[in-house]
Amino acid sequence: MKKKMIKAIGALALLFFTLVLLPVAKLAFTDAKIAKSLFSETYYVKIDSDEYDFDVFRDYMEARGWKEVDQMGGLHVFEKDGKRKAIANTQVKTVFVDGKLNFKLKYLFN
């Protein structure tokens, strides 16, 4: 029974690492400004203090061929090749500001 519990905790830790820490590590150790969560439509962002996180995200999307076609409050709609993708402001989470960890990490989990 104890071995099963340890394996379950290990599996949860691995899942946590994959979902959150791997994209954050990509931002920390590369020049990337955006990293996408592996299993959800959450994007982690690295910005400078004079930048706004969604502007950096918008540039990221446009560099990949997506064009913003509509905005309804905090919901932004992008289109590419007839496909639409809606991204809310809350799906873009600032992890680093000026190369320093953003201490509002509670937003990673909301």
Protein backbone atom coordinates (compact mmCIF):
# COMPACT_ATOMS: atom_id res chain seq x y z
CA MET A 1 0.00 0.00 0.00
CA LYS A 2 2.83 2.39 0.88
CA LYS A 3 4.58 1.69 -2.45
CA LYS A 4 1.40 2.53 -4.36
CA MET A 5 1.10 5.82 -2.50
CA ILE A 6 4.71 6.73 -3.28
CA LYS A 7 4.18 5.87 -6.95
CA ALA A 8 1.00 7.97 -7.06
CA ILE A 9 2.79 10.95 -5.50
CA GLY A 10 5.65 10.50 -7.97
CA ALA A 11 3.22 10.43 -10.88
CA LEU A 12 1.53 13.61 -9.63
CA ALA A 13 4.91 15.31 -9.24
CA LEU A 14 5.84 14.34 -12.80
CA LEU A 15 2.51 15.63 -14.09
CA PHE A 16 3.05 18.91 -12.22
CA PHE A 17 6.54 19.23 -13.72
CA THR A 18 5.24 18.58 -17.21
CA LEU A 19 2.28 20.91 -17.00
CA VAL A 20 3.88 23.87 -15.28
CA LEU A 21 7.60 23.69 -14.74
CA LEU A 22 8.73 22.57 -18.18
CA PRO A 23 7.24 25.59 -20.00
CA VAL A 24 8.53 27.88 -17.23
CA ALA A 25 12.00 26.34 -17.57
CA LYS A 26 11.86 27.02 -21.31
CA LEU A 27 11.32 30.71 -20.54
CA ALA A 28 14.06 30.75 -17.91
CA PHE A 29 16.76 29.05 -19.95
CA THR A 30 16.07 30.19 -23.52
CA ASP A 31 15.42 33.43 -25.37
CA ALA A 32 11.78 32.44 -25.87
CA LYS A 33 9.23 34.99 -24.69
CA ILE A 34 6.24 32.60 -24.85
CA ALA A 35 5.87 28.98 -23.78
CA LYS A 36 2.63 27.03 -24.14
CA SER A 37 1.41 24.59 -21.55
CA LEU A 38 1.56 21.08 -22.93
CA PHE A 39 -2.01 20.04 -22.16
CA SER A 40 -4.03 23.24 -21.98
CA GLU A 41 -4.48 26.51 -23.81
CA THR A 42 -2.37 28.38 -21.25
CA TYR A 43 0.56 30.49 -22.38
CA TYR A 44 3.39 31.58 -20.08
CA VAL A 45 5.08 34.87 -20.94
CA LYS A 46 8.41 36.57 -20.24
CA ILE A 47 8.21 40.37 -20.55
CA ASP A 48 10.19 43.51 -19.89
CA SER A 49 8.68 46.03 -17.48
CA ASP A 50 7.69 48.33 -20.35
CA GLU A 51 5.76 45.56 -22.14
CA TYR A 52 2.23 44.28 -21.71
CA ASP A 53 1.91 40.49 -21.65
CA PHE A 54 -0.91 40.28 -24.16
CA ASP A 55 0.95 42.49 -26.66
CA VAL A 56 3.86 40.03 -26.51
CA PHE A 57 1.38 37.18 -26.97
CA ARG A 58 -0.30 38.94 -29.92
CA ASP A 59 3.12 39.34 -31.62
CA TYR A 60 3.78 35.63 -30.99
CA MET A 61 0.49 34.66 -32.63
CA GLU A 62 1.01 36.98 -35.61
CA ALA A 63 4.52 35.56 -36.15
CA ARG A 64 2.84 32.16 -36.52
CA GLY A 65 0.37 33.39 -39.10
CA TRP A 66 -2.61 34.10 -36.82
CA LYS A 67 -4.36 37.44 -37.22
CA GLU A 68 -6.46 39.01 -34.49
CA VAL A 69 -9.91 39.50 -35.99
CA ASP A 70 -12.04 40.39 -32.98
CA GLN A 71 -11.85 41.42 -29.36
CA MET A 72 -14.69 41.23 -26.87
CA GLY A 73 -13.48 42.49 -23.50
CA GLY A 74 -10.78 40.09 -22.35
CA LEU A 75 -11.46 37.60 -25.15
CA HIS A 76 -9.30 37.87 -28.28
CA VAL A 77 -10.19 35.95 -31.43
CA PHE A 78 -7.45 34.96 -33.87
CA GLU A 79 -7.90 33.46 -37.34
CA LYS A 80 -5.62 31.47 -39.62
CA ASP A 81 -6.55 29.51 -42.74
CA GLY A 82 -10.25 29.74 -41.89
CA LYS A 83 -9.74 28.41 -38.36
CA ARG A 84 -10.55 30.50 -35.31
CA LYS A 85 -8.95 30.41 -31.89
CA ALA A 86 -10.31 32.37 -28.92
CA ILE A 87 -7.84 33.26 -26.18
CA ALA A 88 -8.82 35.03 -22.97
CA ASN A 89 -6.47 37.38 -21.13
CA THR A 90 -6.50 34.93 -18.22
CA GLN A 91 -4.90 32.26 -20.42
CA VAL A 92 -1.75 34.40 -20.76
CA LYS A 93 0.27 34.34 -17.54
CA THR A 94 3.34 36.48 -16.86
CA VAL A 95 6.08 34.39 -15.26
CA PHE A 96 9.13 36.64 -15.64
CA VAL A 97 9.39 40.44 -15.64
CA ASP A 98 12.79 41.91 -16.56
CA GLY A 99 14.31 38.45 -16.16
CA LYS A 100 13.09 38.12 -12.57
CA LEU A 101 10.48 35.69 -11.35
CA ASN A 102 7.06 37.29 -11.09
CA PHE A 103 5.97 36.70 -7.52
CA LYS A 104 2.32 36.51 -8.53
CA LEU A 105 2.77 32.82 -9.29
CA LYS A 106 -0.65 32.06 -7.87
CA TYR A 107 -1.85 33.01 -11.37
CA LEU A 108 -0.11 29.93 -12.77
CA PHE A 109 -2.66 27.77 -11.04
CA ASN A 110 -5.87 29.78 -11.54
